[in-house]
Amino acid sequence: MENKEYKKDGKNKDPSILSYSGLGLQTVLIIGLSTYGGSILDAKYQFETNWFTLFFVLVSVAISMAYTIRVLNKWNSK
């Protein structure tokens, strides 16, 4: 049996494995949807290089990293 610390209201103060899994899935979803959107725009405008896909991937990685850091800091401050 695991030894868990509980708050006074009876809830576990540490995020569960489902919270971490959800955070990872949200990160993959953000990057995946923006990549898909960039590939659609690249197919529509037909540049020699996939500029939209490149731009959206870079922006979505930055957004997902900032989101992950913010959520983890929020979990650690509890």
PDB file of N, CA and C in Angstrom:
ATOM      1  N   MET A   1       0.820  -1.179   0.000  1.00  0.00           N
ATOM      2  CA  MET A   1       0.000   0.000   0.000  1.00  0.00           C
ATOM      3  C   MET A   1       0.869   1.250   0.000  1.00  0.00           C
ATOM      4  N   GLU A   2       0.435   2.275  -0.725  1.00  0.00           N
ATOM      5  CA  GLU A   2       1.197   3.506  -0.815  1.00  0.00           C
ATOM      6  C   GLU A   2       0.886   4.414   0.369  1.00  0.00           C
ATOM      7  N   ASN A   3       1.865   5.172   0.764  1.00  0.00           N
ATOM      8  CA  ASN A   3       1.699   6.134   1.832  1.00  0.00           C
ATOM      9  C   ASN A   3       1.472   7.496   1.192  1.00  0.00           C
ATOM     10  N   LYS A   4       0.248   8.025   1.255  1.00  0.00           N
ATOM     11  CA  LYS A   4      -0.094   9.287   0.606  1.00  0.00           C
ATOM     12  C   LYS A   4      -0.399  10.345   1.655  1.00  0.00           C
ATOM     13  N   GLU A   5      -0.058  11.598   1.323  1.00  0.00           N
ATOM     14  CA  GLU A   5      -0.384  12.712   2.193  1.00  0.00           C
ATOM     15  C   GLU A   5      -1.692  13.321   1.725  1.00  0.00           C
ATOM     16  N   TYR A   6      -2.568  13.598   2.657  1.00  0.00           N
ATOM     17  CA  TYR A   6      -3.867  14.155   2.320  1.00  0.00           C
ATOM     18  C   TYR A   6      -4.044  15.514   2.976  1.00  0.00           C
ATOM     19  N   LYS A   7      -4.779  16.383   2.274  1.00  0.00           N
ATOM     20  CA  LYS A   7      -5.119  17.669   2.854  1.00  0.00           C
ATOM     21  C   LYS A   7      -6.233  17.473   3.874  1.00  0.00           C
ATOM     22  N   LYS A   8      -6.608  18.538   4.540  1.00  0.00           N
ATOM     23  CA  LYS A   8      -7.671  18.444   5.533  1.00  0.00           C
ATOM     24  C   LYS A   8      -9.016  18.082   4.916  1.00  0.00           C
ATOM     25  N   ASP A   9      -9.233  18.486   3.654  1.00  0.00           N
ATOM     26  CA  ASP A   9     -10.512  18.168   3.014  1.00  0.00           C
ATOM     27  C   ASP A   9     -10.543  16.746   2.463  1.00  0.00           C
ATOM     28  N   GLY A  10      -9.450  15.984   2.610  1.00  0.00           N
ATOM     29  CA  GLY A  10      -9.444  14.585   2.204  1.00  0.00           C
ATOM     30  C   GLY A  10      -8.952  14.341   0.795  1.00  0.00           C
ATOM     31  N   LYS A  11      -8.560  15.375   0.085  1.00  0.00           N
ATOM     32  CA  LYS A  11      -8.091  15.194  -1.282  1.00  0.00           C
ATOM     33  C   LYS A  11      -6.577  15.035  -1.302  1.00  0.00           C
ATOM     34  N   ASN A  12      -6.093  14.282  -2.256  1.00  0.00           N
ATOM     35  CA  ASN A  12      -4.657  14.084  -2.421  1.00  0.00           C
ATOM     36  C   ASN A  12      -4.032  15.381  -2.917  1.00  0.00           C
ATOM     37  N   LYS A  13      -2.960  15.839  -2.312  1.00  0.00           N
ATOM     38  CA  LYS A  13      -2.374  17.121  -2.714  1.00  0.00           C
ATOM     39  C   LYS A  13      -1.445  16.994  -3.916  1.00  0.00           C
ATOM     40  N   ASP A  14      -1.011  15.803  -4.254  1.00  0.00           N
ATOM     41  CA  ASP A  14      -0.165  15.598  -5.421  1.00  0.00           C
ATOM     42  C   ASP A  14      -1.024  15.217  -6.624  1.00  0.00           C
ATOM     43  N   PRO A  15      -0.672  15.732  -7.819  1.00  0.00           N
ATOM     44  CA  PRO A  15      -1.427  15.339  -9.009  1.00  0.00           C
ATOM     45  C   PRO A  15      -1.223  13.843  -9.298  1.00  0.00           C
ATOM     46  N   SER A  16      -2.256  13.228  -9.778  1.00  0.00           N
ATOM     47  CA  SER A  16      -2.181  11.796 -10.055  1.00  0.00           C
ATOM     48  C   SER A  16      -1.533  11.553 -11.412  1.00  0.00           C
ATOM     49  N   ILE A  17      -1.335  10.296 -11.722  1.00  0.00           N
ATOM     50  CA  ILE A  17      -0.746   9.913 -13.005  1.00  0.00           C
ATOM     51  C   ILE A  17      -1.665  10.323 -14.156  1.00  0.00           C
ATOM     52  N   LEU A  18      -2.965  10.376 -13.900  1.00  0.00           N
ATOM     53  CA  LEU A  18      -3.896  10.813 -14.943  1.00  0.00           C
ATOM     54  C   LEU A  18      -3.705  12.288 -15.284  1.00  0.00           C
ATOM     55  N   SER A  19      -3.347  13.083 -14.294  1.00  0.00           N
ATOM     56  CA  SER A  19      -3.095  14.500 -14.559  1.00  0.00           C
ATOM     57  C   SER A  19      -1.874  14.679 -15.452  1.00  0.00           C
ATOM     58  N   TYR A  20      -0.835  13.919 -15.169  1.00  0.00           N
ATOM     59  CA  TYR A  20       0.369  13.990 -16.002  1.00  0.00           C
ATOM     60  C   TYR A  20       0.104  13.447 -17.402  1.00  0.00           C
ATOM     61  N   SER A  21      -0.681  12.396 -17.496  1.00  0.00           N
ATOM     62  CA  SER A  21      -1.023  11.841 -18.803  1.00  0.00           C
ATOM     63  C   SER A  21      -1.848  12.833 -19.608  1.00  0.00           C
ATOM     64  N   GLY A  22      -2.780  13.484 -18.936  1.00  0.00           N
ATOM     65  CA  GLY A  22      -3.597  14.490 -19.608  1.00  0.00           C
ATOM     66  C   GLY A  22      -2.773  15.654 -20.111  1.00  0.00           C
ATOM     67  N   LEU A  23      -1.784  16.053 -19.337  1.00  0.00           N
ATOM     68  CA  LEU A  23      -0.902  17.147 -19.754  1.00  0.00           C
ATOM     69  C   LEU A  23      -0.103  16.755 -20.993  1.00  0.00           C
ATOM     70  N   GLY A  24       0.378  15.527 -21.034  1.00  0.00           N
ATOM     71  CA  GLY A  24       1.102  15.045 -22.210  1.00  0.00           C
ATOM     72  C   GLY A  24       0.210  14.962 -23.436  1.00  0.00           C
ATOM     73  N   LEU A  25      -1.025  14.505 -23.249  1.00  0.00           N
ATOM     74  CA  LEU A  25      -1.954  14.423 -24.375  1.00  0.00           C
ATOM     75  C   LEU A  25      -2.326  15.810 -24.900  1.00  0.00           C
ATOM     76  N   GLN A  26      -2.461  16.777 -24.001  1.00  0.00           N
ATOM     77  CA  GLN A  26      -2.753  18.138 -24.438  1.00  0.00           C
ATOM     78  C   GLN A  26      -1.594  18.713 -25.246  1.00  0.00           C
ATOM     79  N   THR A  27      -0.379  18.421 -24.834  1.00  0.00           N
ATOM     80  CA  THR A  27       0.798  18.880 -25.568  1.00  0.00           C
ATOM     81  C   THR A  27       0.826  18.281 -26.970  1.00  0.00           C
ATOM     82  N   VAL A  28       0.597  16.986 -27.056  1.00  0.00           N
ATOM     83  CA  VAL A  28       0.576  16.311 -28.366  1.00  0.00           C
ATOM     84  C   VAL A  28      -0.555  16.863 -29.224  1.00  0.00           C
ATOM     85  N   LEU A  29      -1.702  17.125 -28.631  1.00  0.00           N
ATOM     86  CA  LEU A  29      -2.838  17.655 -29.371  1.00  0.00           C
ATOM     87  C   LEU A  29      -2.551  19.048 -29.920  1.00  0.00           C
ATOM     88  N   ILE A  30      -1.947  19.909 -29.115  1.00  0.00           N
ATOM     89  CA  ILE A  30      -1.610  21.265 -29.570  1.00  0.00           C
ATOM     90  C   ILE A  30      -0.657  21.201 -30.766  1.00  0.00           C
ATOM     91  N   ILE A  31       0.402  20.416 -30.653  1.00  0.00           N
ATOM     92  CA  ILE A  31       1.398  20.331 -31.719  1.00  0.00           C
ATOM     93  C   ILE A  31       0.810  19.641 -32.946  1.00  0.00           C
ATOM     94  N   GLY A  32       0.047  18.580 -32.741  1.00  0.00           N
ATOM     95  CA  GLY A  32      -0.530  17.839 -33.860  1.00  0.00           C
ATOM     96  C   GLY A  32      -1.533  18.652 -34.660  1.00  0.00           C
ATOM     97  N   LEU A  33      -2.424  19.351 -33.975  1.00  0.00           N
ATOM     98  CA  LEU A  33      -3.426  20.150 -34.691  1.00  0.00           C
ATOM     99  C   LEU A  33      -2.799  21.311 -35.450  1.00  0.00           C
ATOM    100  N   SER A  34      -1.796  21.936 -34.862  1.00  0.00           N
ATOM    101  CA  SER A  34      -1.161  23.048 -35.573  1.00  0.00           C
ATOM    102  C   SER A  34      -0.356  22.544 -36.774  1.00  0.00           C
ATOM    103  N   THR A  35       0.250  21.371 -36.650  1.00  0.00           N
ATOM    104  CA  THR A  35       0.966  20.787 -37.791  1.00  0.00           C
ATOM    105  C   THR A  35      -0.002  20.450 -38.910  1.00  0.00           C
ATOM    106  N   TYR A  36      -1.133  19.897 -38.543  1.00  0.00           N
ATOM    107  CA  TYR A  36      -2.156  19.566 -39.537  1.00  0.00           C
ATOM    108  C   TYR A  36      -2.676  20.831 -40.227  1.00  0.00           C
ATOM    109  N   GLY A  37      -2.924  21.873 -39.441  1.00  0.00           N
ATOM    110  CA  GLY A  37      -3.372  23.141 -40.019  1.00  0.00           C
ATOM    111  C   GLY A  37      -2.339  23.746 -40.953  1.00  0.00           C
ATOM    112  N   GLY A  38      -1.072  23.656 -40.573  1.00  0.00           N
ATOM    113  CA  GLY A  38      -0.004  24.165 -41.433  1.00  0.00           C
ATOM    114  C   GLY A  38       0.112  23.388 -42.724  1.00  0.00           C
ATOM    115  N   SER A  39      -0.077  22.075 -42.654  1.00  0.00           N
ATOM    116  CA  SER A  39       0.002  21.278 -43.882  1.00  0.00           C
ATOM    117  C   SER A  39      -1.174  21.566 -44.810  1.00  0.00           C
ATOM    118  N   ILE A  40      -2.333  21.863 -44.251  1.00  0.00           N
ATOM    119  CA  ILE A  40      -3.486  22.236 -45.085  1.00  0.00           C
ATOM    120  C   ILE A  40      -3.212  23.560 -45.798  1.00  0.00           C
ATOM    121  N   LEU A  41      -2.657  24.540 -45.063  1.00  0.00           N
ATOM    122  CA  LEU A  41      -2.336  25.825 -45.688  1.00  0.00           C
ATOM    123  C   LEU A  41      -1.230  25.678 -46.734  1.00  0.00           C
ATOM    124  N   ASP A  42      -0.259  24.814 -46.467  1.00  0.00           N
ATOM    125  CA  ASP A  42       0.800  24.587 -47.457  1.00  0.00           C
ATOM    126  C   ASP A  42       0.235  23.948 -48.721  1.00  0.00           C
ATOM    127  N   ALA A  43      -0.708  23.048 -48.575  1.00  0.00           N
ATOM    128  CA  ALA A  43      -1.324  22.421 -49.748  1.00  0.00           C
ATOM    129  C   ALA A  43      -2.157  23.438 -50.533  1.00  0.00           C
ATOM    130  N   LYS A  44      -2.771  24.367 -49.829  1.00  0.00           N
ATOM    131  CA  LYS A  44      -3.603  25.366 -50.496  1.00  0.00           C
ATOM    132  C   LYS A  44      -2.756  26.376 -51.270  1.00  0.00           C
ATOM    133  N   TYR A  45      -1.666  26.866 -50.675  1.00  0.00           N
ATOM    134  CA  TYR A  45      -0.870  27.913 -51.311  1.00  0.00           C
ATOM    135  C   TYR A  45       0.317  27.384 -52.104  1.00  0.00           C
ATOM    136  N   GLN A  46       0.713  26.155 -51.933  1.00  0.00           N
ATOM    137  CA  GLN A  46       1.707  25.434 -52.736  1.00  0.00           C
ATOM    138  C   GLN A  46       3.034  26.190 -52.896  1.00  0.00           C
ATOM    139  N   PHE A  47       3.662  26.520 -51.771  1.00  0.00           N
ATOM    140  CA  PHE A  47       5.013  27.057 -51.804  1.00  0.00           C
ATOM    141  C   PHE A  47       5.994  25.916 -52.045  1.00  0.00           C
ATOM    142  N   GLU A  48       7.228  26.253 -52.454  1.00  0.00           N
ATOM    143  CA  GLU A  48       8.249  25.218 -52.644  1.00  0.00           C
ATOM    144  C   GLU A  48       8.641  24.586 -51.310  1.00  0.00           C
ATOM    145  N   THR A  49       8.707  25.412 -50.277  1.00  0.00           N
ATOM    146  CA  THR A  49       9.033  24.934 -48.931  1.00  0.00           C
ATOM    147  C   THR A  49       7.773  25.032 -48.078  1.00  0.00           C
ATOM    148  N   ASN A  50       7.629  24.123 -47.148  1.00  0.00           N
ATOM    149  CA  ASN A  50       6.442  24.108 -46.287  1.00  0.00           C
ATOM    150  C   ASN A  50       6.572  25.134 -45.167  1.00  0.00           C
ATOM    151  N   TRP A  51       6.416  26.403 -45.505  1.00  0.00           N
ATOM    152  CA  TRP A  51       6.619  27.480 -44.544  1.00  0.00           C
ATOM    153  C   TRP A  51       5.550  27.505 -43.470  1.00  0.00           C
ATOM    154  N   PHE A  52       4.299  27.283 -43.842  1.00  0.00           N
ATOM    155  CA  PHE A  52       3.226  27.322 -42.858  1.00  0.00           C
ATOM    156  C   PHE A  52       3.391  26.204 -41.826  1.00  0.00           C
ATOM    157  N   THR A  53       3.713  25.013 -42.286  1.00  0.00           N
ATOM    158  CA  THR A  53       3.911  23.899 -41.368  1.00  0.00           C
ATOM    159  C   THR A  53       5.078  24.182 -40.430  1.00  0.00           C
ATOM    160  N   LEU A  54       6.159  24.671 -40.960  1.00  0.00           N
ATOM    161  CA  LEU A  54       7.323  24.998 -40.139  1.00  0.00           C
ATOM    162  C   LEU A  54       6.991  26.047 -39.097  1.00  0.00           C
ATOM    163  N   PHE A  55       6.323  27.100 -39.520  1.00  0.00           N
ATOM    164  CA  PHE A  55       5.956  28.176 -38.599  1.00  0.00           C
ATOM    165  C   PHE A  55       5.016  27.675 -37.507  1.00  0.00           C
ATOM    166  N   PHE A  56       3.973  26.946 -37.900  1.00  0.00           N
ATOM    167  CA  PHE A  56       3.003  26.469 -36.914  1.00  0.00           C
ATOM    168  C   PHE A  56       3.605  25.458 -35.946  1.00  0.00           C
ATOM    169  N   VAL A  57       4.525  24.624 -36.412  1.00  0.00           N
ATOM    170  CA  VAL A  57       5.170  23.666 -35.515  1.00  0.00           C
ATOM    171  C   VAL A  57       6.020  24.407 -34.488  1.00  0.00           C
ATOM    172  N   LEU A  58       6.805  25.364 -34.924  1.00  0.00           N
ATOM    173  CA  LEU A  58       7.658  26.105 -33.996  1.00  0.00           C
ATOM    174  C   LEU A  58       6.836  26.892 -32.973  1.00  0.00           C
ATOM    175  N   VAL A  59       5.778  27.533 -33.426  1.00  0.00           N
ATOM    176  CA  VAL A  59       4.928  28.303 -32.510  1.00  0.00           C
ATOM    177  C   VAL A  59       4.200  27.370 -31.543  1.00  0.00           C
ATOM    178  N   SER A  60       3.713  26.245 -32.037  1.00  0.00           N
ATOM    179  CA  SER A  60       2.970  25.335 -31.162  1.00  0.00           C
ATOM    180  C   SER A  60       3.877  24.670 -30.127  1.00  0.00           C
ATOM    181  N   VAL A  61       5.128  24.398 -30.478  1.00  0.00           N
ATOM    182  CA  VAL A  61       6.065  23.847 -29.492  1.00  0.00           C
ATOM    183  C   VAL A  61       6.324  24.877 -28.396  1.00  0.00           C
ATOM    184  N   ALA A  62       6.488  26.132 -28.776  1.00  0.00           N
ATOM    185  CA  ALA A  62       6.701  27.183 -27.777  1.00  0.00           C
ATOM    186  C   ALA A  62       5.471  27.341 -26.883  1.00  0.00           C
ATOM    187  N   ILE A  63       4.288  27.301 -27.486  1.00  0.00           N
ATOM    188  CA  ILE A  63       3.052  27.429 -26.704  1.00  0.00           C
ATOM    189  C   ILE A  63       2.879  26.247 -25.757  1.00  0.00           C
ATOM    190  N   SER A  64       3.121  25.041 -26.256  1.00  0.00           N
ATOM    191  CA  SER A  64       2.932  23.864 -25.406  1.00  0.00           C
ATOM    192  C   SER A  64       3.964  23.809 -24.283  1.00  0.00           C
ATOM    193  N   MET A  65       5.187  24.274 -24.542  1.00  0.00           N
ATOM    194  CA  MET A  65       6.192  24.326 -23.473  1.00  0.00           C
ATOM    195  C   MET A  65       5.796  25.340 -22.398  1.00  0.00           C
ATOM    196  N   ALA A  66       5.330  26.503 -22.820  1.00  0.00           N
ATOM    197  CA  ALA A  66       4.903  27.520 -21.862  1.00  0.00           C
ATOM    198  C   ALA A  66       3.712  27.018 -21.051  1.00  0.00           C
ATOM    199  N   TYR A  67       2.780  26.340 -21.703  1.00  0.00           N
ATOM    200  CA  TYR A  67       1.608  25.796 -21.013  1.00  0.00           C
ATOM    201  C   TYR A  67       2.031  24.730 -20.002  1.00  0.00           C
ATOM    202  N   THR A  68       2.933  23.850 -20.397  1.00  0.00           N
ATOM    203  CA  THR A  68       3.395  22.787 -19.512  1.00  0.00           C
ATOM    204  C   THR A  68       4.120  23.357 -18.301  1.00  0.00           C
ATOM    205  N   ILE A  69       4.973  24.336 -18.513  1.00  0.00           N
ATOM    206  CA  ILE A  69       5.692  24.955 -17.406  1.00  0.00           C
ATOM    207  C   ILE A  69       4.729  25.640 -16.452  1.00  0.00           C
ATOM    208  N   ARG A  70       3.737  26.338 -17.002  1.00  0.00           N
ATOM    209  CA  ARG A  70       2.766  27.030 -16.155  1.00  0.00           C
ATOM    210  C   ARG A  70       1.962  26.039 -15.311  1.00  0.00           C
ATOM    211  N   VAL A  71       1.517  24.942 -15.916  1.00  0.00           N
ATOM    212  CA  VAL A  71       0.737  23.947 -15.185  1.00  0.00           C
ATOM    213  C   VAL A  71       1.583  23.261 -14.127  1.00  0.00           C
ATOM    214  N   LEU A  72       2.815  22.894 -14.465  1.00  0.00           N
ATOM    215  CA  LEU A  72       3.678  22.236 -13.485  1.00  0.00           C
ATOM    216  C   LEU A  72       4.024  23.155 -12.320  1.00  0.00           C
ATOM    217  N   ASN A  73       4.244  24.437 -12.590  1.00  0.00           N
ATOM    218  CA  ASN A  73       4.489  25.392 -11.502  1.00  0.00           C
ATOM    219  C   ASN A  73       3.261  25.527 -10.613  1.00  0.00           C
ATOM    220  N   LYS A  74       2.085  25.504 -11.226  1.00  0.00           N
ATOM    221  CA  LYS A  74       0.843  25.581 -10.461  1.00  0.00           C
ATOM    222  C   LYS A  74       0.689  24.354  -9.568  1.00  0.00           C
ATOM    223  N   TRP A  75       1.010  23.174 -10.092  1.00  0.00           N
ATOM    224  CA  TRP A  75       0.910  21.937  -9.302  1.00  0.00           C
ATOM    225  C   TRP A  75       1.938  21.935  -8.169  1.00  0.00           C
ATOM    226  N   ASN A  76       3.124  22.457  -8.427  1.00  0.00           N
ATOM    227  CA  ASN A  76       4.169  22.456  -7.408  1.00  0.00           C
ATOM    228  C   ASN A  76       3.914  23.465  -6.294  1.00  0.00           C
ATOM    229  N   SER A  77       3.149  24.513  -6.584  1.00  0.00           N
ATOM    230  CA  SER A  77       2.888  25.522  -5.578  1.00  0.00           C
ATOM    231  C   SER A  77       1.773  25.118  -4.609  1.00  0.00           C
ATOM    232  N   LYS A  78       1.050  24.070  -4.931  1.00  0.00           N
ATOM    233  CA  LYS A  78      -0.048  23.632  -4.052  1.00  0.00           C
ATOM    234  C   LYS A  78       0.460  22.933  -2.834  1.00  0.00           C
TER     235      LYS A  78
END
